[in-house]
Amino acid sequence: MSGTLVNVVILSSALGSALAAGIFFAFSTFVMKALGRLHPEQGIAAMQAINVTVLNPWFFTVFFGTGVGCAFLVVFALSNWVGPAAVHLAVGGMLYIAGGIFVTMAFNVPLNNALARVDGNNPDGESLWRHYLHRWTLWNHVRTGASLAAATLLILAL
């Protein structure tokens, strides 16, 4: 396989990981805090709207396209184990897949699905909202750190 093609996949996966980390970072550092300052009914409605609008081709391309690139790089690194670059590729790729995609699908998406079924006017909505804010943000911190670490390792591999 061409070294140029591999470098393009490394660069695009590093950029995708960094972009995902930036999105997650924004949510962890100010978006969720701002939503938490709203009345629960308003916060729930805003997050429900965000969770619908995030399902778009641009986000999917960055989020899942980076995952595909990282999966390729893990396989490439394991089959071409030479020097520290292989370690950076393998660990970086696994970090994004595990910490970015798996955490999202296993923790954040189920929380989003539960929130989608909530009526903000329901008295139980407030307790669910407080739980959601805490748990979702906690797992988002994990996604942020994993994606940033993945980007760093992939850059080092170049």
N, C-alpha and C. Protein backbone atom coordinates (compact mmCIF):
# COMPACT_ATOMS: atom_id res chain seq x y z
N MET A 1 0.84 -1.18 0.00
CA MET A 1 0.00 0.00 0.00
C MET A 1 0.88 1.24 0.00
N SER A 2 0.46 2.20 -0.72
CA SER A 2 1.22 3.44 -0.88
C SER A 2 1.36 4.17 0.45
N GLY A 3 2.60 4.61 0.73
CA GLY A 3 2.84 5.39 1.95
C GLY A 3 2.06 6.69 1.93
N THR A 4 1.86 7.25 0.74
CA THR A 4 1.10 8.49 0.62
C THR A 4 -0.35 8.27 1.04
N LEU A 5 -0.96 7.16 0.60
CA LEU A 5 -2.34 6.87 0.97
C LEU A 5 -2.48 6.67 2.47
N VAL A 6 -1.56 5.94 3.05
CA VAL A 6 -1.58 5.73 4.51
C VAL A 6 -1.44 7.07 5.23
N ASN A 7 -0.55 7.92 4.76
CA ASN A 7 -0.39 9.24 5.40
C ASN A 7 -1.65 10.09 5.27
N VAL A 8 -2.35 9.98 4.16
CA VAL A 8 -3.62 10.70 3.99
C VAL A 8 -4.65 10.19 4.99
N VAL A 9 -4.70 8.88 5.19
CA VAL A 9 -5.64 8.31 6.16
C VAL A 9 -5.26 8.73 7.57
N ILE A 10 -3.97 8.72 7.87
CA ILE A 10 -3.51 9.17 9.20
C ILE A 10 -3.90 10.62 9.42
N LEU A 11 -3.59 11.48 8.46
CA LEU A 11 -3.89 12.90 8.61
C LEU A 11 -5.39 13.14 8.74
N SER A 12 -6.18 12.51 7.88
CA SER A 12 -7.63 12.74 7.95
C SER A 12 -8.22 12.18 9.24
N SER A 13 -7.69 11.06 9.72
CA SER A 13 -8.17 10.50 10.99
C SER A 13 -7.75 11.37 12.17
N ALA A 14 -6.55 11.92 12.10
CA ALA A 14 -6.09 12.84 13.16
C ALA A 14 -6.96 14.09 13.18
N LEU A 15 -7.23 14.65 12.01
CA LEU A 15 -8.08 15.84 11.94
C LEU A 15 -9.51 15.54 12.38
N GLY A 16 -10.04 14.39 11.97
CA GLY A 16 -11.38 14.00 12.40
C GLY A 16 -11.46 13.80 13.90
N SER A 17 -10.44 13.17 14.47
CA SER A 17 -10.40 12.98 15.93
C SER A 17 -10.33 14.32 16.65
N ALA A 18 -9.52 15.22 16.12
CA ALA A 18 -9.39 16.56 16.72
C ALA A 18 -10.70 17.34 16.61
N LEU A 19 -11.35 17.24 15.47
CA LEU A 19 -12.63 17.93 15.28
C LEU A 19 -13.69 17.37 16.23
N ALA A 20 -13.75 16.04 16.35
CA ALA A 20 -14.69 15.42 17.29
C ALA A 20 -14.37 15.87 18.72
N ALA A 21 -13.08 15.88 19.07
CA ALA A 21 -12.69 16.33 20.40
C ALA A 21 -13.14 17.75 20.65
N GLY A 22 -13.03 18.61 19.64
CA GLY A 22 -13.47 20.00 19.78
C GLY A 22 -14.97 20.11 20.00
N ILE A 23 -15.73 19.31 19.27
CA ILE A 23 -17.19 19.30 19.46
C ILE A 23 -17.51 18.86 20.88
N PHE A 24 -16.91 17.74 21.30
CA PHE A 24 -17.17 17.23 22.65
C PHE A 24 -16.71 18.22 23.72
N PHE A 25 -15.56 18.85 23.48
CA PHE A 25 -15.03 19.84 24.42
C PHE A 25 -16.00 20.99 24.61
N ALA A 26 -16.57 21.48 23.50
CA ALA A 26 -17.53 22.58 23.60
C ALA A 26 -18.72 22.19 24.47
N PHE A 27 -19.22 20.98 24.27
CA PHE A 27 -20.36 20.54 25.08
C PHE A 27 -19.96 20.40 26.55
N SER A 28 -18.78 19.85 26.82
CA SER A 28 -18.35 19.66 28.21
C SER A 28 -18.08 20.96 28.93
N THR A 29 -17.56 21.95 28.23
CA THR A 29 -17.12 23.16 28.92
C THR A 29 -18.14 24.28 28.98
N PHE A 30 -19.10 24.33 28.02
CA PHE A 30 -20.07 25.42 28.14
C PHE A 30 -21.48 25.09 27.67
N VAL A 31 -21.66 24.23 26.69
CA VAL A 31 -23.03 23.98 26.21
C VAL A 31 -23.88 23.33 27.30
N MET A 32 -23.38 22.27 27.91
CA MET A 32 -24.18 21.59 28.93
C MET A 32 -24.37 22.47 30.17
N LYS A 33 -23.37 23.27 30.49
CA LYS A 33 -23.51 24.19 31.63
C LYS A 33 -24.60 25.22 31.33
N ALA A 34 -24.63 25.72 30.11
CA ALA A 34 -25.66 26.69 29.73
C ALA A 34 -27.04 26.04 29.77
N LEU A 35 -27.16 24.83 29.24
CA LEU A 35 -28.45 24.15 29.26
C LEU A 35 -28.88 23.85 30.69
N GLY A 36 -27.92 23.55 31.57
CA GLY A 36 -28.23 23.29 32.97
C GLY A 36 -28.73 24.52 33.72
N ARG A 37 -28.46 25.70 33.20
CA ARG A 37 -28.92 26.94 33.83
C ARG A 37 -30.37 27.27 33.46
N LEU A 38 -30.85 26.59 32.42
CA LEU A 38 -32.23 26.82 31.98
C LEU A 38 -33.21 26.08 32.87
N HIS A 39 -34.45 26.52 32.84
CA HIS A 39 -35.51 25.76 33.51
C HIS A 39 -35.51 24.38 32.88
N PRO A 40 -35.71 23.31 33.67
CA PRO A 40 -35.65 21.95 33.11
C PRO A 40 -36.47 21.76 31.83
N GLU A 41 -37.66 22.33 31.78
CA GLU A 41 -38.49 22.21 30.58
C GLU A 41 -37.77 22.77 29.35
N GLN A 42 -37.11 23.92 29.53
CA GLN A 42 -36.39 24.55 28.42
C GLN A 42 -35.12 23.78 28.07
N GLY A 43 -34.40 23.33 29.10
CA GLY A 43 -33.17 22.56 28.86
C GLY A 43 -33.46 21.26 28.14
N ILE A 44 -34.51 20.57 28.56
CA ILE A 44 -34.91 19.32 27.90
C ILE A 44 -35.26 19.58 26.45
N ALA A 45 -36.06 20.61 26.21
CA ALA A 45 -36.47 20.92 24.83
C ALA A 45 -35.27 21.28 23.96
N ALA A 46 -34.33 22.05 24.51
CA ALA A 46 -33.14 22.44 23.75
C ALA A 46 -32.28 21.22 23.42
N MET A 47 -32.06 20.34 24.41
CA MET A 47 -31.23 19.17 24.16
C MET A 47 -31.92 18.20 23.21
N GLN A 48 -33.23 18.08 23.31
CA GLN A 48 -33.96 17.24 22.36
C GLN A 48 -33.77 17.76 20.94
N ALA A 49 -33.81 19.08 20.78
CA ALA A 49 -33.60 19.67 19.45
C ALA A 49 -32.17 19.43 18.96
N ILE A 50 -31.20 19.57 19.84
CA ILE A 50 -29.80 19.32 19.48
C ILE A 50 -29.64 17.86 19.03
N ASN A 51 -30.24 16.94 19.78
CA ASN A 51 -30.10 15.52 19.48
C ASN A 51 -30.74 15.13 18.15
N VAL A 52 -31.70 15.90 17.69
CA VAL A 52 -32.30 15.65 16.38
C VAL A 52 -31.43 16.26 15.29
N THR A 53 -30.98 17.49 15.50
CA THR A 53 -30.23 18.18 14.44
C THR A 53 -28.81 17.64 14.25
N VAL A 54 -28.25 16.99 15.27
CA VAL A 54 -26.90 16.43 15.12
C VAL A 54 -26.89 15.26 14.14
N LEU A 55 -28.04 14.67 13.89
CA LEU A 55 -28.12 13.54 12.97
C LEU A 55 -28.15 14.06 11.54
N ASN A 56 -26.97 14.40 11.05
CA ASN A 56 -26.85 14.97 9.70
C ASN A 56 -25.60 14.43 9.02
N PRO A 57 -25.55 14.51 7.70
CA PRO A 57 -24.41 13.94 6.97
C PRO A 57 -23.05 14.52 7.36
N TRP A 58 -22.98 15.79 7.67
CA TRP A 58 -21.69 16.39 8.05
C TRP A 58 -21.15 15.76 9.33
N PHE A 59 -22.01 15.67 10.34
CA PHE A 59 -21.55 15.08 11.60
C PHE A 59 -21.23 13.60 11.42
N PHE A 60 -22.10 12.87 10.73
CA PHE A 60 -21.86 11.44 10.51
C PHE A 60 -20.56 11.20 9.77
N THR A 61 -20.25 12.04 8.78
CA THR A 61 -19.02 11.88 8.02
C THR A 61 -17.80 12.03 8.92
N VAL A 62 -17.81 13.06 9.76
CA VAL A 62 -16.68 13.27 10.67
C VAL A 62 -16.63 12.16 11.72
N PHE A 63 -17.76 11.90 12.36
CA PHE A 63 -17.79 10.96 13.49
C PHE A 63 -17.49 9.53 13.04
N PHE A 64 -18.26 9.02 12.08
CA PHE A 64 -18.09 7.63 11.66
C PHE A 64 -16.97 7.47 10.63
N GLY A 65 -16.78 8.47 9.77
CA GLY A 65 -15.67 8.41 8.82
C GLY A 65 -14.33 8.32 9.53
N THR A 66 -14.19 9.06 10.61
CA THR A 66 -12.97 8.99 11.41
C THR A 66 -12.83 7.60 12.02
N GLY A 67 -13.94 7.03 12.45
CA GLY A 67 -13.91 5.67 13.00
C GLY A 67 -13.44 4.65 11.98
N VAL A 68 -13.91 4.79 10.74
CA VAL A 68 -13.48 3.88 9.67
C VAL A 68 -11.97 4.05 9.42
N GLY A 69 -11.53 5.30 9.35
CA GLY A 69 -10.10 5.56 9.16
C GLY A 69 -9.27 4.98 10.29
N CYS A 70 -9.75 5.15 11.52
CA CYS A 70 -9.02 4.63 12.68
C CYS A 70 -8.99 3.10 12.67
N ALA A 71 -10.09 2.47 12.28
CA ALA A 71 -10.11 1.01 12.20
C ALA A 71 -9.08 0.53 11.17
N PHE A 72 -9.03 1.21 10.03
CA PHE A 72 -8.03 0.87 9.01
C PHE A 72 -6.63 1.01 9.59
N LEU A 73 -6.38 2.08 10.32
CA LEU A 73 -5.05 2.32 10.85
C LEU A 73 -4.65 1.30 11.91
N VAL A 74 -5.60 0.84 12.70
CA VAL A 74 -5.31 -0.21 13.69
C VAL A 74 -4.88 -1.48 12.97
N VAL A 75 -5.65 -1.87 11.96
CA VAL A 75 -5.31 -3.07 11.19
C VAL A 75 -3.96 -2.90 10.50
N PHE A 76 -3.76 -1.74 9.90
CA PHE A 76 -2.50 -1.46 9.22
C PHE A 76 -1.33 -1.55 10.20
N ALA A 77 -1.48 -0.94 11.37
CA ALA A 77 -0.39 -0.94 12.36
C ALA A 77 -0.09 -2.36 12.84
N LEU A 78 -1.13 -3.14 13.08
CA LEU A 78 -0.92 -4.51 13.57
C LEU A 78 -0.28 -5.41 12.51
N SER A 79 -0.55 -5.12 11.26
CA SER A 79 0.03 -5.95 10.20
C SER A 79 1.36 -5.42 9.68
N ASN A 80 1.73 -4.23 10.10
CA ASN A 80 3.01 -3.61 9.70
C ASN A 80 3.71 -3.05 10.93
N TRP A 81 3.92 -3.88 11.92
CA TRP A 81 4.43 -3.43 13.22
C TRP A 81 5.91 -3.07 13.11
N VAL A 82 6.16 -1.77 12.89
CA VAL A 82 7.54 -1.30 12.77
C VAL A 82 7.67 0.00 13.55
N GLY A 83 8.42 -0.04 14.61
CA GLY A 83 8.75 1.17 15.35
C GLY A 83 7.60 1.78 16.13
N PRO A 84 7.89 2.93 16.74
CA PRO A 84 6.90 3.59 17.58
C PRO A 84 5.67 4.09 16.81
N ALA A 85 5.80 4.36 15.53
CA ALA A 85 4.65 4.83 14.76
C ALA A 85 3.52 3.81 14.78
N ALA A 86 3.87 2.53 14.76
CA ALA A 86 2.85 1.48 14.80
C ALA A 86 2.09 1.53 16.12
N VAL A 87 2.81 1.77 17.21
CA VAL A 87 2.16 1.88 18.52
C VAL A 87 1.23 3.08 18.53
N HIS A 88 1.70 4.21 18.02
CA HIS A 88 0.88 5.42 17.98
C HIS A 88 -0.39 5.20 17.15
N LEU A 89 -0.24 4.54 16.00
CA LEU A 89 -1.41 4.29 15.14
C LEU A 89 -2.40 3.34 15.81
N ALA A 90 -1.89 2.26 16.36
CA ALA A 90 -2.77 1.26 16.97
C ALA A 90 -3.50 1.83 18.19
N VAL A 91 -2.75 2.45 19.07
CA VAL A 91 -3.37 2.99 20.30
C VAL A 91 -4.27 4.18 19.97
N GLY A 92 -3.80 5.06 19.09
CA GLY A 92 -4.62 6.21 18.70
C GLY A 92 -5.93 5.78 18.06
N GLY A 93 -5.85 4.84 17.13
CA GLY A 93 -7.06 4.35 16.48
C GLY A 93 -8.01 3.68 17.47
N MET A 94 -7.46 2.85 18.36
CA MET A 94 -8.31 2.18 19.36
C MET A 94 -8.94 3.18 20.33
N LEU A 95 -8.18 4.21 20.69
CA LEU A 95 -8.74 5.22 21.60
C LEU A 95 -9.95 5.91 20.99
N TYR A 96 -9.85 6.29 19.71
CA TYR A 96 -10.99 6.95 19.09
C TYR A 96 -12.18 6.00 18.98
N ILE A 97 -11.93 4.77 18.56
CA ILE A 97 -13.02 3.81 18.40
C ILE A 97 -13.67 3.51 19.75
N ALA A 98 -12.85 3.23 20.77
CA ALA A 98 -13.39 2.88 22.08
C ALA A 98 -13.94 4.10 22.83
N GLY A 99 -13.13 5.15 22.88
CA GLY A 99 -13.50 6.32 23.67
C GLY A 99 -14.44 7.28 22.98
N GLY A 100 -14.41 7.30 21.65
CA GLY A 100 -15.30 8.19 20.91
C GLY A 100 -16.57 7.49 20.48
N ILE A 101 -16.43 6.45 19.67
CA ILE A 101 -17.61 5.80 19.11
C ILE A 101 -18.30 4.88 20.12
N PHE A 102 -17.53 3.97 20.76
CA PHE A 102 -18.17 3.03 21.68
C PHE A 102 -18.85 3.76 22.84
N VAL A 103 -18.16 4.70 23.45
CA VAL A 103 -18.76 5.44 24.58
C VAL A 103 -20.03 6.15 24.13
N THR A 104 -19.99 6.75 22.95
CA THR A 104 -21.18 7.42 22.43
C THR A 104 -22.35 6.46 22.32
N MET A 105 -22.10 5.32 21.67
CA MET A 105 -23.18 4.37 21.40
C MET A 105 -23.66 3.67 22.68
N ALA A 106 -22.75 3.39 23.61
CA ALA A 106 -23.10 2.65 24.82
C ALA A 106 -23.69 3.53 25.92
N PHE A 107 -23.31 4.79 25.96
CA PHE A 107 -23.72 5.63 27.09
C PHE A 107 -24.49 6.88 26.68
N ASN A 108 -23.93 7.69 25.78
CA ASN A 108 -24.59 8.95 25.44
C ASN A 108 -25.87 8.74 24.64
N VAL A 109 -25.85 7.85 23.65
CA VAL A 109 -27.06 7.63 22.84
C VAL A 109 -28.22 7.07 23.67
N PRO A 110 -28.01 6.07 24.54
CA PRO A 110 -29.14 5.63 25.37
C PRO A 110 -29.70 6.75 26.26
N LEU A 111 -28.83 7.60 26.77
CA LEU A 111 -29.31 8.74 27.56
C LEU A 111 -30.12 9.69 26.67
N ASN A 112 -29.65 9.91 25.44
CA ASN A 112 -30.39 10.76 24.50
C ASN A 112 -31.75 10.15 24.17
N ASN A 113 -31.78 8.85 23.98
CA ASN A 113 -33.04 8.18 23.66
C ASN A 113 -34.03 8.28 24.81
N ALA A 114 -33.54 8.14 26.03
CA ALA A 114 -34.41 8.28 27.20
C ALA A 114 -34.94 9.72 27.30
N LEU A 115 -34.06 10.69 27.03
CA LEU A 115 -34.49 12.10 27.09
C LEU A 115 -35.51 12.41 26.00
N ALA A 116 -35.40 11.76 24.87
CA ALA A 116 -36.34 12.01 23.76
C ALA A 116 -37.77 11.64 24.13
N ARG A 117 -37.91 10.72 25.06
CA ARG A 117 -39.25 10.26 25.48
C ARG A 117 -39.84 11.09 26.63
N VAL A 118 -39.10 12.08 27.10
CA VAL A 118 -39.52 12.85 28.27
C VAL A 118 -40.29 14.09 27.84
N ASP A 119 -41.37 14.34 28.54
CA ASP A 119 -42.10 15.59 28.40
C ASP A 119 -41.58 16.52 29.48
N GLY A 120 -40.99 17.64 29.07
CA GLY A 120 -40.41 18.58 30.02
C GLY A 120 -41.38 19.11 31.04
N ASN A 121 -42.68 19.07 30.74
CA ASN A 121 -43.69 19.55 31.69
C ASN A 121 -44.03 18.51 32.74
N ASN A 122 -43.59 17.29 32.55
CA ASN A 122 -43.85 16.21 33.49
C ASN A 122 -43.05 16.46 34.77
N PRO A 123 -43.68 16.28 35.94
CA PRO A 123 -42.93 16.49 37.19
C PRO A 123 -41.68 15.62 37.31
N ASP A 124 -41.68 14.45 36.70
CA ASP A 124 -40.50 13.59 36.75
C ASP A 124 -39.40 14.10 35.81
N GLY A 125 -39.76 15.01 34.92
CA GLY A 125 -38.80 15.54 33.95
C GLY A 125 -37.61 16.21 34.61
N GLU A 126 -37.85 16.92 35.71
CA GLU A 126 -36.75 17.63 36.38
C GLU A 126 -35.71 16.66 36.93
N SER A 127 -36.13 15.59 37.59
CA SER A 127 -35.15 14.66 38.15
C SER A 127 -34.41 13.92 37.03
N LEU A 128 -35.12 13.56 35.96
CA LEU A 128 -34.46 12.92 34.85
C LEU A 128 -33.46 13.88 34.20
N TRP A 129 -33.84 15.14 34.08
CA TRP A 129 -32.95 16.15 33.48
C TRP A 129 -31.67 16.29 34.28
N ARG A 130 -31.77 16.37 35.60
CA ARG A 130 -30.58 16.51 36.45
C ARG A 130 -29.68 15.28 36.31
N HIS A 131 -30.30 14.10 36.30
CA HIS A 131 -29.52 12.86 36.10
C HIS A 131 -28.86 12.88 34.73
N TYR A 132 -29.61 13.24 33.72
CA TYR A 132 -29.10 13.30 32.34
C TYR A 132 -27.90 14.24 32.25
N LEU A 133 -28.04 15.45 32.79
CA LEU A 133 -26.94 16.43 32.72
C LEU A 133 -25.66 15.87 33.31
N HIS A 134 -25.78 15.24 34.47
CA HIS A 134 -24.60 14.71 35.15
C HIS A 134 -23.99 13.55 34.37
N ARG A 135 -24.78 12.53 34.05
CA ARG A 135 -24.26 11.32 33.40
C ARG A 135 -23.77 11.61 31.97
N TRP A 136 -24.57 12.35 31.20
CA TRP A 136 -24.21 12.62 29.81
C TRP A 136 -22.90 13.40 29.76
N THR A 137 -22.76 14.39 30.62
CA THR A 137 -21.56 15.22 30.63
C THR A 137 -20.35 14.41 31.10
N LEU A 138 -20.53 13.55 32.08
CA LEU A 138 -19.44 12.69 32.53
C LEU A 138 -18.90 11.85 31.37
N TRP A 139 -19.79 11.18 30.64
CA TRP A 139 -19.34 10.37 29.50
C TRP A 139 -18.81 11.24 28.37
N ASN A 140 -19.31 12.44 28.25
CA ASN A 140 -18.79 13.34 27.23
C ASN A 140 -17.35 13.75 27.54
N HIS A 141 -17.02 13.90 28.82
CA HIS A 141 -15.63 14.17 29.20
C HIS A 141 -14.72 13.03 28.72
N VAL A 142 -15.20 11.80 28.87
CA VAL A 142 -14.43 10.64 28.42
C VAL A 142 -14.21 10.71 26.91
N ARG A 143 -15.28 11.03 26.17
CA ARG A 143 -15.17 11.14 24.71
C ARG A 143 -14.18 12.24 24.33
N THR A 144 -14.22 13.35 25.03
CA THR A 144 -13.32 14.46 24.74
C THR A 144 -11.87 14.04 24.92
N GLY A 145 -11.56 13.47 26.07
CA GLY A 145 -10.18 13.06 26.36
C GLY A 145 -9.69 11.99 25.41
N ALA A 146 -10.53 11.00 25.12
CA ALA A 146 -10.13 9.92 24.23
C ALA A 146 -9.89 10.43 22.81
N SER A 147 -10.76 11.28 22.34
CA SER A 147 -10.60 11.82 20.97
C SER A 147 -9.38 12.72 20.86
N LEU A 148 -9.13 13.51 21.87
CA LEU A 148 -7.95 14.38 21.87
C LEU A 148 -6.67 13.55 21.94
N ALA A 149 -6.66 12.53 22.79
CA ALA A 149 -5.49 11.65 22.88
C ALA A 149 -5.28 10.91 21.56
N ALA A 150 -6.35 10.48 20.93
CA ALA A 150 -6.24 9.80 19.63
C ALA A 150 -5.62 10.73 18.60
N ALA A 151 -6.11 11.95 18.54
CA ALA A 151 -5.57 12.93 17.58
C ALA A 151 -4.08 13.15 17.83
N THR A 152 -3.69 13.27 19.08
CA THR A 152 -2.29 13.50 19.43
C THR A 152 -1.43 12.33 18.97
N LEU A 153 -1.86 11.11 19.25
CA LEU A 153 -1.07 9.94 18.87
C LEU A 153 -0.98 9.78 17.36
N LEU A 154 -2.08 10.07 16.67
CA LEU A 154 -2.04 9.95 15.21
C LEU A 154 -1.11 11.00 14.59
N ILE A 155 -1.10 12.19 15.17
CA ILE A 155 -0.16 13.23 14.70
C ILE A 155 1.28 12.78 14.94
N LEU A 156 1.53 12.20 16.11
CA LEU A 156 2.89 11.71 16.42
C LEU A 156 3.30 10.62 15.44
N ALA A 157 2.35 9.83 14.97
CA ALA A 157 2.67 8.76 14.02
C ALA A 157 3.14 9.31 12.69
N LEU A 158 2.68 10.51 12.35
CA LEU A 158 3.12 11.11 11.07
C LEU A 158 4.60 11.47 11.14
